[in-house]
PDB file of N, CA and C in Angstrom:
ATOM      1  N   MET A   1       0.846  -1.174   0.000  1.00  0.00           N
ATOM      2  CA  MET A   1       0.000   0.000   0.000  1.00  0.00           C
ATOM      3  C   MET A   1       0.892   1.238   0.000  1.00  0.00           C
ATOM      4  N   ASP A   2       0.527   2.204  -0.800  1.00  0.00           N
ATOM      5  CA  ASP A   2       1.284   3.447  -0.931  1.00  0.00           C
ATOM      6  C   ASP A   2       0.730   4.485   0.045  1.00  0.00           C
ATOM      7  N   TYR A   3       1.578   4.981   0.948  1.00  0.00           N
ATOM      8  CA  TYR A   3       1.140   5.944   1.956  1.00  0.00           C
ATOM      9  C   TYR A   3       1.560   7.370   1.604  1.00  0.00           C
ATOM     10  N   SER A   4       1.583   7.695   0.338  1.00  0.00           N
ATOM     11  CA  SER A   4       1.945   9.057  -0.047  1.00  0.00           C
ATOM     12  C   SER A   4       0.834  10.015   0.390  1.00  0.00           C
ATOM     13  N   MET A   5       1.184  11.271   0.529  1.00  0.00           N
ATOM     14  CA  MET A   5       0.208  12.279   0.958  1.00  0.00           C
ATOM     15  C   MET A   5      -0.967  12.352  -0.008  1.00  0.00           C
ATOM     16  N   ASP A   6      -0.688  12.178  -1.276  1.00  0.00           N
ATOM     17  CA  ASP A   6      -1.752  12.223  -2.279  1.00  0.00           C
ATOM     18  C   ASP A   6      -2.775  11.115  -2.028  1.00  0.00           C
ATOM     19  N   ASN A   7      -2.295   9.917  -1.753  1.00  0.00           N
ATOM     20  CA  ASN A   7      -3.198   8.792  -1.486  1.00  0.00           C
ATOM     21  C   ASN A   7      -3.951   8.975  -0.171  1.00  0.00           C
ATOM     22  N   ILE A   8      -3.284   9.534   0.819  1.00  0.00           N
ATOM     23  CA  ILE A   8      -3.942   9.785   2.103  1.00  0.00           C
ATOM     24  C   ILE A   8      -5.074  10.792   1.924  1.00  0.00           C
ATOM     25  N   HIS A   9      -4.793  11.872   1.192  1.00  0.00           N
ATOM     26  CA  HIS A   9      -5.833  12.877   0.936  1.00  0.00           C
ATOM     27  C   HIS A   9      -6.992  12.269   0.149  1.00  0.00           C
ATOM     28  N   ARG A  10      -6.677  11.446  -0.813  1.00  0.00           N
ATOM     29  CA  ARG A  10      -7.712  10.800  -1.622  1.00  0.00           C
ATOM     30  C   ARG A  10      -8.576   9.888  -0.749  1.00  0.00           C
ATOM     31  N   ALA A  11      -7.953   9.156   0.169  1.00  0.00           N
ATOM     32  CA  ALA A  11      -8.696   8.264   1.060  1.00  0.00           C
ATOM     33  C   ALA A  11      -9.615   9.061   1.988  1.00  0.00           C
ATOM     34  N   ILE A  12      -9.108  10.178   2.497  1.00  0.00           N
ATOM     35  CA  ILE A  12      -9.932  11.035   3.359  1.00  0.00           C
ATOM     36  C   ILE A  12     -11.109  11.593   2.575  1.00  0.00           C
ATOM     37  N   ASP A  13     -10.848  12.063   1.361  1.00  0.00           N
ATOM     38  CA  ASP A  13     -11.929  12.576   0.512  1.00  0.00           C
ATOM     39  C   ASP A  13     -12.981  11.506   0.256  1.00  0.00           C
ATOM     40  N   ASN A  14     -12.541  10.286  -0.020  1.00  0.00           N
ATOM     41  CA  ASN A  14     -13.486   9.198  -0.281  1.00  0.00           C
ATOM     42  C   ASN A  14     -14.352   8.912   0.939  1.00  0.00           C
ATOM     43  N   LEU A  15     -13.742   8.906   2.123  1.00  0.00           N
ATOM     44  CA  LEU A  15     -14.512   8.687   3.350  1.00  0.00           C
ATOM     45  C   LEU A  15     -15.529   9.802   3.562  1.00  0.00           C
ATOM     46  N   TYR A  16     -15.108  11.028   3.289  1.00  0.00           N
ATOM     47  CA  TYR A  16     -15.999  12.179   3.447  1.00  0.00           C
ATOM     48  C   TYR A  16     -17.193  12.061   2.512  1.00  0.00           C
ATOM     49  N   TYR A  17     -16.928  11.789   1.228  1.00  0.00           N
ATOM     50  CA  TYR A  17     -18.017  11.690   0.253  1.00  0.00           C
ATOM     51  C   TYR A  17     -18.923  10.504   0.551  1.00  0.00           C
ATOM     52  N   GLU A  18     -18.342   9.418   1.031  1.00  0.00           N
ATOM     53  CA  GLU A  18     -19.139   8.249   1.401  1.00  0.00           C
ATOM     54  C   GLU A  18     -20.071   8.597   2.559  1.00  0.00           C
ATOM     55  N   HIS A  19     -19.554   9.352   3.524  1.00  0.00           N
ATOM     56  CA  HIS A  19     -20.377   9.780   4.660  1.00  0.00           C
ATOM     57  C   HIS A  19     -21.526  10.668   4.181  1.00  0.00           C
ATOM     58  N   ILE A  20     -21.229  11.612   3.307  1.00  0.00           N
ATOM     59  CA  ILE A  20     -22.257  12.515   2.778  1.00  0.00           C
ATOM     60  C   ILE A  20     -23.317  11.728   2.017  1.00  0.00           C
ATOM     61  N   LEU A  21     -22.896  10.765   1.214  1.00  0.00           N
ATOM     62  CA  LEU A  21     -23.846   9.975   0.432  1.00  0.00           C
ATOM     63  C   LEU A  21     -24.749   9.128   1.320  1.00  0.00           C
ATOM     64  N   ASN A  22     -24.263   8.727   2.484  1.00  0.00           N
ATOM     65  CA  ASN A  22     -25.045   7.879   3.376  1.00  0.00           C
ATOM     66  C   ASN A  22     -26.007   8.658   4.273  1.00  0.00           C
ATOM     67  N   LEU A  23     -25.927   9.977   4.235  1.00  0.00           N
ATOM     68  CA  LEU A  23     -26.847  10.767   5.047  1.00  0.00           C
ATOM     69  C   LEU A  23     -28.261  10.664   4.489  1.00  0.00           C
ATOM     70  N   LEU A  24     -29.216  10.701   5.374  1.00  0.00           N
ATOM     71  CA  LEU A  24     -30.607  10.725   4.947  1.00  0.00           C
ATOM     72  C   LEU A  24     -30.913  12.074   4.313  1.00  0.00           C
ATOM     73  N   GLU A  25     -31.923  12.096   3.473  1.00  0.00           N
ATOM     74  CA  GLU A  25     -32.299  13.339   2.793  1.00  0.00           C
ATOM     75  C   GLU A  25     -32.635  14.432   3.816  1.00  0.00           C
ATOM     76  N   GLU A  26     -33.298  14.051   4.892  1.00  0.00           N
ATOM     77  CA  GLU A  26     -33.657  15.016   5.936  1.00  0.00           C
ATOM     78  C   GLU A  26     -32.403  15.602   6.586  1.00  0.00           C
ATOM     79  N   GLU A  27     -31.394  14.769   6.819  1.00  0.00           N
ATOM     80  CA  GLU A  27     -30.139  15.250   7.408  1.00  0.00           C
ATOM     81  C   GLU A  27     -29.420  16.200   6.454  1.00  0.00           C
ATOM     82  N   LYS A  28     -29.442  15.868   5.170  1.00  0.00           N
ATOM     83  CA  LYS A  28     -28.820  16.752   4.176  1.00  0.00           C
ATOM     84  C   LYS A  28     -29.519  18.106   4.160  1.00  0.00           C
ATOM     85  N   ASN A  29     -30.859  18.083   4.234  1.00  0.00           N
ATOM     86  CA  ASN A  29     -31.614  19.335   4.240  1.00  0.00           C
ATOM     87  C   ASN A  29     -31.309  20.164   5.483  1.00  0.00           C
ATOM     88  N   GLU A  30     -31.187  19.507   6.637  1.00  0.00           N
ATOM     89  CA  GLU A  30     -30.854  20.225   7.870  1.00  0.00           C
ATOM     90  C   GLU A  30     -29.478  20.873   7.771  1.00  0.00           C
ATOM     91  N   ILE A  31     -28.521  20.146   7.224  1.00  0.00           N
ATOM     92  CA  ILE A  31     -27.164  20.686   7.055  1.00  0.00           C
ATOM     93  C   ILE A  31     -27.190  21.871   6.100  1.00  0.00           C
ATOM     94  N   LEU A  32     -27.908  21.724   4.994  1.00  0.00           N
ATOM     95  CA  LEU A  32     -28.006  22.802   4.010  1.00  0.00           C
ATOM     96  C   LEU A  32     -28.673  24.036   4.617  1.00  0.00           C
ATOM     97  N   GLU A  33     -29.739  23.833   5.381  1.00  0.00           N
ATOM     98  CA  GLU A  33     -30.414  24.958   6.030  1.00  0.00           C
ATOM     99  C   GLU A  33     -29.476  25.679   6.994  1.00  0.00           C
ATOM    100  N   GLU A  34     -28.693  24.924   7.747  1.00  0.00           N
ATOM    101  CA  GLU A  34     -27.750  25.530   8.688  1.00  0.00           C
ATOM    102  C   GLU A  34     -26.674  26.323   7.945  1.00  0.00           C
ATOM    103  N   ILE A  35     -26.187  25.784   6.852  1.00  0.00           N
ATOM    104  CA  ILE A  35     -25.194  26.495   6.036  1.00  0.00           C
ATOM    105  C   ILE A  35     -25.788  27.799   5.514  1.00  0.00           C
ATOM    106  N   LEU A  36     -27.009  27.733   4.996  1.00  0.00           N
ATOM    107  CA  LEU A  36     -27.655  28.930   4.453  1.00  0.00           C
ATOM    108  C   LEU A  36     -27.925  29.971   5.544  1.00  0.00           C
ATOM    109  N   ARG A  37     -28.326  29.524   6.737  1.00  0.00           N
ATOM    110  CA  ARG A  37     -28.532  30.460   7.855  1.00  0.00           C
ATOM    111  C   ARG A  37     -27.224  31.175   8.196  1.00  0.00           C
ATOM    112  N   ASN A  38     -26.125  30.435   8.212  1.00  0.00           N
ATOM    113  CA  ASN A  38     -24.830  31.040   8.531  1.00  0.00           C
ATOM    114  C   ASN A  38     -24.382  32.008   7.447  1.00  0.00           C
ATOM    115  N   ILE A  39     -24.626  31.653   6.193  1.00  0.00           N
ATOM    116  CA  ILE A  39     -24.290  32.567   5.096  1.00  0.00           C
ATOM    117  C   ILE A  39     -25.111  33.846   5.217  1.00  0.00           C
ATOM    118  N   LEU A  40     -26.398  33.707   5.517  1.00  0.00           N
ATOM    119  CA  LEU A  40     -27.261  34.875   5.679  1.00  0.00           C
ATOM    120  C   LEU A  40     -26.778  35.757   6.828  1.00  0.00           C
ATOM    121  N   LYS A  41     -26.359  35.158   7.931  1.00  0.00           N
ATOM    122  CA  LYS A  41     -25.840  35.935   9.060  1.00  0.00           C
ATOM    123  C   LYS A  41     -24.611  36.739   8.649  1.00  0.00           C
ATOM    124  N   ILE A  42     -23.736  36.117   7.879  1.00  0.00           N
ATOM    125  CA  ILE A  42     -22.526  36.804   7.416  1.00  0.00           C
ATOM    126  C   ILE A  42     -22.896  37.970   6.506  1.00  0.00           C
ATOM    127  N   ILE A  43     -23.823  37.736   5.589  1.00  0.00           N
ATOM    128  CA  ILE A  43     -24.250  38.788   4.660  1.00  0.00           C
ATOM    129  C   ILE A  43     -24.898  39.940   5.423  1.00  0.00           C
ATOM    130  N   LEU A  44     -25.787  39.613   6.364  1.00  0.00           N
ATOM    131  CA  LEU A  44     -26.461  40.659   7.142  1.00  0.00           C
ATOM    132  C   LEU A  44     -25.468  41.462   7.975  1.00  0.00           C
ATOM    133  N   CYS A  45     -24.481  40.800   8.519  1.00  0.00           N
ATOM    134  CA  CYS A  45     -23.441  41.492   9.290  1.00  0.00           C
ATOM    135  C   CYS A  45     -22.664  42.447   8.385  1.00  0.00           C
ATOM    136  N   ASP A  46     -22.357  41.999   7.178  1.00  0.00           N
ATOM    137  CA  ASP A  46     -21.638  42.835   6.220  1.00  0.00           C
ATOM    138  C   ASP A  46     -22.482  44.044   5.820  1.00  0.00           C
ATOM    139  N   VAL A  47     -23.764  43.817   5.553  1.00  0.00           N
ATOM    140  CA  VAL A  47     -24.661  44.919   5.187  1.00  0.00           C
ATOM    141  C   VAL A  47     -24.771  45.911   6.341  1.00  0.00           C
ATOM    142  N   GLU A  48     -24.943  45.399   7.553  1.00  0.00           N
ATOM    143  CA  GLU A  48     -25.072  46.273   8.721  1.00  0.00           C
ATOM    144  C   GLU A  48     -23.822  47.125   8.908  1.00  0.00           C
ATOM    145  N   THR A  49     -22.660  46.520   8.765  1.00  0.00           N
ATOM    146  CA  THR A  49     -21.403  47.257   8.916  1.00  0.00           C
ATOM    147  C   THR A  49     -21.274  48.334   7.844  1.00  0.00           C
ATOM    148  N   THR A  50     -21.616  47.990   6.613  1.00  0.00           N
ATOM    149  CA  THR A  50     -21.528  48.948   5.510  1.00  0.00           C
ATOM    150  C   THR A  50     -22.482  50.113   5.719  1.00  0.00           C
ATOM    151  N   VAL A  51     -23.720  49.811   6.094  1.00  0.00           N
ATOM    152  CA  VAL A  51     -24.707  50.869   6.322  1.00  0.00           C
ATOM    153  C   VAL A  51     -24.292  51.744   7.499  1.00  0.00           C
ATOM    154  N   ARG A  52     -23.794  51.123   8.557  1.00  0.00           N
ATOM    155  CA  ARG A  52     -23.364  51.884   9.742  1.00  0.00           C
ATOM    156  C   ARG A  52     -22.239  52.865   9.376  1.00  0.00           C
ATOM    157  N   ARG A  53     -21.255  52.402   8.633  1.00  0.00           N
ATOM    158  CA  ARG A  53     -20.137  53.277   8.236  1.00  0.00           C
ATOM    159  C   ARG A  53     -20.621  54.390   7.310  1.00  0.00           C
ATOM    160  N   SER A  54     -21.497  54.028   6.380  1.00  0.00           N
ATOM    161  CA  SER A  54     -22.039  55.029   5.460  1.00  0.00           C
ATOM    162  C   SER A  54     -22.843  56.074   6.215  1.00  0.00           C
ATOM    163  N   ALA A  55     -23.653  55.627   7.169  1.00  0.00           N
ATOM    164  CA  ALA A  55     -24.469  56.556   7.955  1.00  0.00           C
ATOM    165  C   ALA A  55     -23.585  57.521   8.738  1.00  0.00           C
ATOM    166  N   GLN A  56     -22.522  57.014   9.324  1.00  0.00           N
ATOM    167  CA  GLN A  56     -21.616  57.889  10.073  1.00  0.00           C
ATOM    168  C   GLN A  56     -21.022  58.960   9.166  1.00  0.00           C
ATOM    169  N   LYS A  57     -20.613  58.559   7.959  1.00  0.00           N
ATOM    170  CA  LYS A  57     -20.027  59.528   7.031  1.00  0.00           C
ATOM    171  C   LYS A  57     -21.060  60.551   6.580  1.00  0.00           C
ATOM    172  N   VAL A  58     -22.259  60.074   6.266  1.00  0.00           N
ATOM    173  CA  VAL A  58     -23.315  60.961   5.773  1.00  0.00           C
ATOM    174  C   VAL A  58     -23.720  61.967   6.847  1.00  0.00           C
ATOM    175  N   LEU A  59     -23.869  61.500   8.076  1.00  0.00           N
ATOM    176  CA  LEU A  59     -24.334  62.390   9.142  1.00  0.00           C
ATOM    177  C   LEU A  59     -23.233  63.315   9.656  1.00  0.00           C
ATOM    178  N   GLN A  60     -21.987  62.929   9.523  1.00  0.00           N
ATOM    179  CA  GLN A  60     -20.892  63.781   9.984  1.00  0.00           C
ATOM    180  C   GLN A  60     -20.541  64.855   8.965  1.00  0.00           C
ATOM    181  N   ASN A  61     -20.957  64.674   7.727  1.00  0.00           N
ATOM    182  CA  ASN A  61     -20.564  65.587   6.659  1.00  0.00           C
ATOM    183  C   ASN A  61     -21.710  66.527   6.276  1.00  0.00           C
ATOM    184  N   ALA A  62     -22.482  66.990   7.226  1.00  0.00           N
ATOM    185  CA  ALA A  62     -23.592  67.894   6.923  1.00  0.00           C
ATOM    186  C   ALA A  62     -23.171  69.358   7.016  1.00  0.00           C
ATOM    187  N   GLU A  63     -21.964  69.615   7.425  1.00  0.00           N
ATOM    188  CA  GLU A  63     -21.382  70.962   7.487  1.00  0.00           C
ATOM    189  C   GLU A  63     -22.266  71.943   8.249  1.00  0.00           C
ATOM    190  N   GLY A  64     -22.860  71.481   9.338  1.00  0.00           N
ATOM    191  CA  GLY A  64     -23.616  72.383  10.201  1.00  0.00           C
ATOM    192  C   GLY A  64     -25.024  72.700   9.744  1.00  0.00           C
ATOM    193  N   ASP A  65     -25.431  72.225   8.586  1.00  0.00           N
ATOM    194  CA  ASP A  65     -26.783  72.487   8.091  1.00  0.00           C
ATOM    195  C   ASP A  65     -27.756  71.509   8.745  1.00  0.00           C
ATOM    196  N   THR A  66     -28.553  72.006   9.676  1.00  0.00           N
ATOM    197  CA  THR A  66     -29.471  71.164  10.444  1.00  0.00           C
ATOM    198  C   THR A  66     -30.523  70.521   9.551  1.00  0.00           C
ATOM    199  N   ASN A  67     -31.061  71.274   8.601  1.00  0.00           N
ATOM    200  CA  ASN A  67     -32.088  70.724   7.697  1.00  0.00           C
ATOM    201  C   ASN A  67     -31.526  69.587   6.853  1.00  0.00           C
ATOM    202  N   LEU A  68     -30.316  69.783   6.361  1.00  0.00           N
ATOM    203  CA  LEU A  68     -29.686  68.741   5.554  1.00  0.00           C
ATOM    204  C   LEU A  68     -29.444  67.492   6.393  1.00  0.00           C
ATOM    205  N   MET A  69     -28.973  67.676   7.618  1.00  0.00           N
ATOM    206  CA  MET A  69     -28.717  66.538   8.495  1.00  0.00           C
ATOM    207  C   MET A  69     -30.024  65.802   8.810  1.00  0.00           C
ATOM    208  N   LEU A  70     -31.112  66.547   9.026  1.00  0.00           N
ATOM    209  CA  LEU A  70     -32.411  65.943   9.315  1.00  0.00           C
ATOM    210  C   LEU A  70     -32.917  65.142   8.117  1.00  0.00           C
ATOM    211  N   LYS A  71     -32.771  65.687   6.918  1.00  0.00           N
ATOM    212  CA  LYS A  71     -33.189  64.967   5.705  1.00  0.00           C
ATOM    213  C   LYS A  71     -32.379  63.686   5.524  1.00  0.00           C
ATOM    214  N   ARG A  72     -31.094  63.782   5.767  1.00  0.00           N
ATOM    215  CA  ARG A  72     -30.243  62.594   5.645  1.00  0.00           C
ATOM    216  C   ARG A  72     -30.628  61.540   6.683  1.00  0.00           C
ATOM    217  N   ALA A  73     -30.907  61.981   7.903  1.00  0.00           N
ATOM    218  CA  ALA A  73     -31.301  61.042   8.960  1.00  0.00           C
ATOM    219  C   ALA A  73     -32.614  60.348   8.600  1.00  0.00           C
ATOM    220  N   LYS A  74     -33.572  61.105   8.065  1.00  0.00           N
ATOM    221  CA  LYS A  74     -34.852  60.503   7.656  1.00  0.00           C
ATOM    222  C   LYS A  74     -34.647  59.524   6.503  1.00  0.00           C
ATOM    223  N   GLY A  75     -33.764  59.866   5.589  1.00  0.00           N
ATOM    224  CA  GLY A  75     -33.452  58.961   4.482  1.00  0.00           C
ATOM    225  C   GLY A  75     -32.826  57.665   4.980  1.00  0.00           C
ATOM    226  N   LEU A  76     -31.917  57.781   5.930  1.00  0.00           N
ATOM    227  CA  LEU A  76     -31.299  56.587   6.514  1.00  0.00           C
ATOM    228  C   LEU A  76     -32.326  55.747   7.269  1.00  0.00           C
ATOM    229  N   GLN A  77     -33.258  56.418   7.938  1.00  0.00           N
ATOM    230  CA  GLN A  77     -34.311  55.698   8.650  1.00  0.00           C
ATOM    231  C   GLN A  77     -35.182  54.928   7.652  1.00  0.00           C
ATOM    232  N   SER A  78     -35.513  55.545   6.537  1.00  0.00           N
ATOM    233  CA  SER A  78     -36.302  54.864   5.496  1.00  0.00           C
ATOM    234  C   SER A  78     -35.539  53.675   4.928  1.00  0.00           C
ATOM    235  N   LEU A  79     -34.253  53.873   4.687  1.00  0.00           N
ATOM    236  CA  LEU A  79     -33.421  52.783   4.181  1.00  0.00           C
ATOM    237  C   LEU A  79     -33.399  51.622   5.169  1.00  0.00           C
ATOM    238  N   GLY A  80     -33.251  51.931   6.444  1.00  0.00           N
ATOM    239  CA  GLY A  80     -33.251  50.891   7.476  1.00  0.00           C
ATOM    240  C   GLY A  80     -34.552  50.111   7.499  1.00  0.00           C
ATOM    241  N   LYS A  81     -35.673  50.814   7.373  1.00  0.00           N
ATOM    242  CA  LYS A  81     -36.980  50.143   7.358  1.00  0.00           C
ATOM    243  C   LYS A  81     -37.105  49.215   6.150  1.00  0.00           C
ATOM    244  N   MET A  82     -36.630  49.678   4.990  1.00  0.00           N
ATOM    245  CA  MET A  82     -36.700  48.835   3.785  1.00  0.00           C
ATOM    246  C   MET A  82     -35.855  47.576   3.947  1.00  0.00           C
ATOM    247  N   ILE A  83     -34.672  47.731   4.492  1.00  0.00           N
ATOM    248  CA  ILE A  83     -33.789  46.577   4.690  1.00  0.00           C
ATOM    249  C   ILE A  83     -34.427  45.590   5.658  1.00  0.00           C
ATOM    250  N   LEU A  84     -34.988  46.099   6.753  1.00  0.00           N
ATOM    251  CA  LEU A  84     -35.629  45.215   7.732  1.00  0.00           C
ATOM    252  C   LEU A  84     -36.828  44.482   7.136  1.00  0.00           C
ATOM    253  N   GLN A  85     -37.582  45.134   6.271  1.00  0.00           N
ATOM    254  CA  GLN A  85     -38.718  44.473   5.618  1.00  0.00           C
ATOM    255  C   GLN A  85     -38.241  43.331   4.735  1.00  0.00           C
ATOM    256  N   LYS A  86     -37.161  43.535   4.031  1.00  0.00           N
ATOM    257  CA  LYS A  86     -36.633  42.491   3.140  1.00  0.00           C
ATOM    258  C   LYS A  86     -36.076  41.315   3.931  1.00  0.00           C
ATOM    259  N   VAL A  87     -35.477  41.603   5.086  1.00  0.00           N
ATOM    260  CA  VAL A  87     -34.882  40.547   5.907  1.00  0.00           C
ATOM    261  C   VAL A  87     -35.961  39.699   6.557  1.00  0.00           C
ATOM    262  N   ASN A  88     -36.996  40.353   7.059  1.00  0.00           N
ATOM    263  CA  ASN A  88     -38.063  39.623   7.749  1.00  0.00           C
ATOM    264  C   ASN A  88     -39.017  39.112   6.733  1.00  0.00           C
TER     265      ASN A  88
END
């Protein structure tokens, strides 16, 4: 038997795929749902971080104009509501 790293990796891959193939359809669906939930969490975290940074820049750059800052804040509030509607 050849114990090269290539053969070891191939054997591990075969065991992994064999395990996946032996899972019940319900187990596969549960795993897929968990993966998708985690991907969604990552995406939502990225969106939240981007919006938060953008909001800070937009609200800090109003140059003392109260009306402009108020309009920007209302726009950000509307954007937040739209995002929350899409998420829920």
